[in-house]
Amino acid sequence: MPDRAIAQGLAGTVVAQALLRRGRLHDVVIVSGPEVFHQAVLQALRSYRCTELPGPPVRVQQSFRFDAH
């Protein structure tokens, strides 16, 4: 949770999409949500590691909920 969001009591949901290829996320795009949370979502997604499965790349979507509590 970003310090600025905590200080201002902000909350919201950020939706991100990415291409899952060889167990890693590529081409991450923020689809919607308060900008104050975008950097935190991008940082979280950079740390994702998935099981590598055979087949073509897959487009995935993930929602991140930030609460002011």
N, C-alpha and C. Protein backbone atom coordinates (compact mmCIF):
# COMPACT_ATOMS: atom_id res chain seq x y z
N MET A 1 0.85 -1.17 0.00
CA MET A 1 0.00 0.00 0.00
C MET A 1 0.90 1.24 0.00
N PRO A 2 0.75 2.08 -0.99
CA PRO A 2 1.58 3.29 -1.05
C PRO A 2 1.32 4.22 0.14
N ASP A 3 2.38 4.85 0.63
CA ASP A 3 2.28 5.76 1.77
C ASP A 3 1.26 6.87 1.52
N ARG A 4 1.28 7.42 0.32
CA ARG A 4 0.35 8.50 -0.01
C ARG A 4 -1.10 8.04 0.10
N ALA A 5 -1.38 6.83 -0.33
CA ALA A 5 -2.74 6.29 -0.24
C ALA A 5 -3.15 6.08 1.21
N ILE A 6 -2.22 5.61 2.03
CA ILE A 6 -2.52 5.43 3.45
C ILE A 6 -2.82 6.77 4.11
N ALA A 7 -1.98 7.77 3.84
CA ALA A 7 -2.14 9.09 4.46
C ALA A 7 -3.46 9.74 4.06
N GLN A 8 -3.91 9.48 2.83
CA GLN A 8 -5.13 10.11 2.34
C GLN A 8 -6.36 9.21 2.51
N GLY A 9 -6.17 8.00 3.05
CA GLY A 9 -7.28 7.08 3.24
C GLY A 9 -7.90 6.60 1.95
N LEU A 10 -7.08 6.44 0.91
CA LEU A 10 -7.58 6.03 -0.40
C LEU A 10 -7.76 4.52 -0.49
N ALA A 11 -8.70 4.11 -1.31
CA ALA A 11 -8.96 2.70 -1.57
C ALA A 11 -9.35 2.55 -3.03
N GLY A 12 -9.31 1.33 -3.52
CA GLY A 12 -9.74 1.09 -4.89
C GLY A 12 -9.23 -0.23 -5.42
N THR A 13 -9.64 -0.54 -6.62
CA THR A 13 -9.24 -1.77 -7.29
C THR A 13 -8.53 -1.42 -8.58
N VAL A 14 -7.39 -2.07 -8.80
CA VAL A 14 -6.63 -1.90 -10.04
C VAL A 14 -6.70 -3.21 -10.80
N VAL A 15 -6.99 -3.12 -12.10
CA VAL A 15 -7.03 -4.29 -12.97
C VAL A 15 -5.85 -4.18 -13.93
N ALA A 16 -5.09 -5.27 -14.02
CA ALA A 16 -3.94 -5.31 -14.93
C ALA A 16 -4.07 -6.53 -15.85
N GLN A 17 -3.54 -6.39 -17.05
CA GLN A 17 -3.48 -7.50 -17.99
C GLN A 17 -2.03 -7.71 -18.39
N ALA A 18 -1.71 -8.97 -18.71
CA ALA A 18 -0.35 -9.29 -19.14
C ALA A 18 -0.38 -10.52 -20.03
N LEU A 19 0.70 -10.74 -20.72
CA LEU A 19 0.88 -11.93 -21.53
C LEU A 19 1.74 -12.90 -20.72
N LEU A 20 1.23 -14.10 -20.50
CA LEU A 20 1.96 -15.13 -19.76
C LEU A 20 2.66 -16.03 -20.78
N ARG A 21 4.01 -15.97 -20.74
CA ARG A 21 4.81 -16.74 -21.69
C ARG A 21 5.98 -17.36 -20.94
N ARG A 22 6.12 -18.68 -21.07
CA ARG A 22 7.21 -19.44 -20.44
C ARG A 22 7.32 -19.16 -18.94
N GLY A 23 6.18 -19.07 -18.27
CA GLY A 23 6.18 -18.90 -16.82
C GLY A 23 6.42 -17.49 -16.32
N ARG A 24 6.49 -16.53 -17.22
CA ARG A 24 6.72 -15.13 -16.83
C ARG A 24 5.71 -14.21 -17.49
N LEU A 25 5.44 -13.09 -16.80
CA LEU A 25 4.52 -12.11 -17.34
C LEU A 25 5.26 -11.12 -18.23
N HIS A 26 4.66 -10.81 -19.37
CA HIS A 26 5.22 -9.86 -20.33
C HIS A 26 4.13 -8.87 -20.73
N ASP A 27 4.52 -7.73 -21.24
CA ASP A 27 3.58 -6.75 -21.77
C ASP A 27 2.48 -6.40 -20.77
N VAL A 28 2.87 -6.06 -19.55
CA VAL A 28 1.90 -5.73 -18.50
C VAL A 28 1.30 -4.35 -18.78
N VAL A 29 -0.03 -4.28 -18.68
CA VAL A 29 -0.77 -3.05 -18.92
C VAL A 29 -1.78 -2.86 -17.80
N ILE A 30 -1.83 -1.66 -17.24
CA ILE A 30 -2.87 -1.33 -16.26
C ILE A 30 -4.12 -0.96 -17.05
N VAL A 31 -5.21 -1.68 -16.79
CA VAL A 31 -6.46 -1.47 -17.52
C VAL A 31 -7.32 -0.41 -16.85
N SER A 32 -7.38 -0.45 -15.51
CA SER A 32 -8.22 0.51 -14.80
C SER A 32 -7.78 0.60 -13.35
N GLY A 33 -8.27 1.63 -12.68
CA GLY A 33 -8.01 1.79 -11.26
C GLY A 33 -7.27 3.07 -10.94
N PRO A 34 -7.30 3.47 -9.66
CA PRO A 34 -6.65 4.70 -9.23
C PRO A 34 -5.14 4.68 -9.50
N GLU A 35 -4.65 5.74 -10.09
CA GLU A 35 -3.24 5.82 -10.48
C GLU A 35 -2.29 5.70 -9.29
N VAL A 36 -2.71 6.11 -8.12
CA VAL A 36 -1.86 6.05 -6.94
C VAL A 36 -1.39 4.61 -6.65
N PHE A 37 -2.14 3.62 -7.11
CA PHE A 37 -1.80 2.22 -6.86
C PHE A 37 -1.07 1.53 -8.01
N HIS A 38 -0.95 2.18 -9.16
CA HIS A 38 -0.37 1.54 -10.34
C HIS A 38 1.05 1.01 -10.10
N GLN A 39 1.90 1.81 -9.51
CA GLN A 39 3.29 1.39 -9.31
C GLN A 39 3.37 0.17 -8.39
N ALA A 40 2.55 0.12 -7.35
CA ALA A 40 2.54 -1.03 -6.43
C ALA A 40 2.11 -2.30 -7.17
N VAL A 41 1.14 -2.18 -8.06
CA VAL A 41 0.68 -3.33 -8.84
C VAL A 41 1.77 -3.79 -9.80
N LEU A 42 2.39 -2.88 -10.50
CA LEU A 42 3.47 -3.25 -11.43
C LEU A 42 4.62 -3.93 -10.69
N GLN A 43 4.96 -3.43 -9.52
CA GLN A 43 6.02 -4.04 -8.72
C GLN A 43 5.64 -5.46 -8.30
N ALA A 44 4.40 -5.65 -7.88
CA ALA A 44 3.94 -6.98 -7.48
C ALA A 44 3.98 -7.94 -8.67
N LEU A 45 3.54 -7.48 -9.82
CA LEU A 45 3.52 -8.36 -11.00
C LEU A 45 4.92 -8.75 -11.45
N ARG A 46 5.88 -7.86 -11.28
CA ARG A 46 7.27 -8.19 -11.66
C ARG A 46 7.81 -9.36 -10.86
N SER A 47 7.27 -9.60 -9.68
CA SER A 47 7.78 -10.69 -8.84
C SER A 47 7.06 -12.01 -9.09
N TYR A 48 6.00 -12.02 -9.88
CA TYR A 48 5.26 -13.25 -10.15
C TYR A 48 6.12 -14.25 -10.92
N ARG A 49 6.06 -15.49 -10.51
CA ARG A 49 6.67 -16.59 -11.26
C ARG A 49 5.62 -17.68 -11.34
N CYS A 50 5.34 -18.15 -12.52
CA CYS A 50 4.30 -19.13 -12.74
C CYS A 50 4.92 -20.44 -13.23
N THR A 51 4.17 -21.51 -13.11
CA THR A 51 4.61 -22.79 -13.63
C THR A 51 4.63 -22.72 -15.15
N GLU A 52 5.71 -23.14 -15.74
CA GLU A 52 5.81 -23.11 -17.19
C GLU A 52 5.10 -24.32 -17.77
N LEU A 53 4.10 -24.05 -18.58
CA LEU A 53 3.33 -25.11 -19.22
C LEU A 53 3.52 -25.03 -20.73
N PRO A 54 3.44 -26.17 -21.42
CA PRO A 54 3.57 -26.13 -22.86
C PRO A 54 2.38 -25.41 -23.49
N GLY A 55 2.60 -24.88 -24.66
CA GLY A 55 1.52 -24.23 -25.38
C GLY A 55 1.83 -22.78 -25.68
N PRO A 56 0.92 -22.14 -26.37
CA PRO A 56 1.12 -20.75 -26.76
C PRO A 56 0.98 -19.80 -25.56
N PRO A 57 1.47 -18.59 -25.70
CA PRO A 57 1.29 -17.58 -24.65
C PRO A 57 -0.20 -17.34 -24.39
N VAL A 58 -0.50 -16.93 -23.17
CA VAL A 58 -1.89 -16.70 -22.76
C VAL A 58 -2.02 -15.30 -22.18
N ARG A 59 -3.08 -14.58 -22.57
CA ARG A 59 -3.36 -13.27 -22.00
C ARG A 59 -4.11 -13.49 -20.69
N VAL A 60 -3.62 -12.87 -19.60
CA VAL A 60 -4.23 -13.04 -18.28
C VAL A 60 -4.63 -11.67 -17.71
N GLN A 61 -5.56 -11.70 -16.77
CA GLN A 61 -6.02 -10.48 -16.11
C GLN A 61 -6.05 -10.72 -14.62
N GLN A 62 -5.61 -9.73 -13.84
CA GLN A 62 -5.57 -9.84 -12.38
C GLN A 62 -6.09 -8.55 -11.78
N SER A 63 -6.93 -8.68 -10.75
CA SER A 63 -7.42 -7.52 -10.00
C SER A 63 -6.70 -7.44 -8.67
N PHE A 64 -6.40 -6.22 -8.25
CA PHE A 64 -5.74 -5.96 -6.97
C PHE A 64 -6.62 -4.98 -6.20
N ARG A 65 -7.08 -5.38 -5.02
CA ARG A 65 -7.94 -4.54 -4.19
C ARG A 65 -7.10 -3.90 -3.09
N PHE A 66 -7.20 -2.60 -2.95
CA PHE A 66 -6.52 -1.85 -1.91
C PHE A 66 -7.57 -1.26 -0.99
N ASP A 67 -7.48 -1.58 0.31
CA ASP A 67 -8.43 -1.07 1.30
C ASP A 67 -7.76 -0.01 2.16
N ALA A 68 -8.54 0.94 2.59
CA ALA A 68 -8.02 2.04 3.41
C ALA A 68 -7.87 1.66 4.86
N HIS A 69 -8.23 0.47 5.27
CA HIS A 69 -8.15 0.05 6.67
C HIS A 69 -6.80 -0.52 6.98
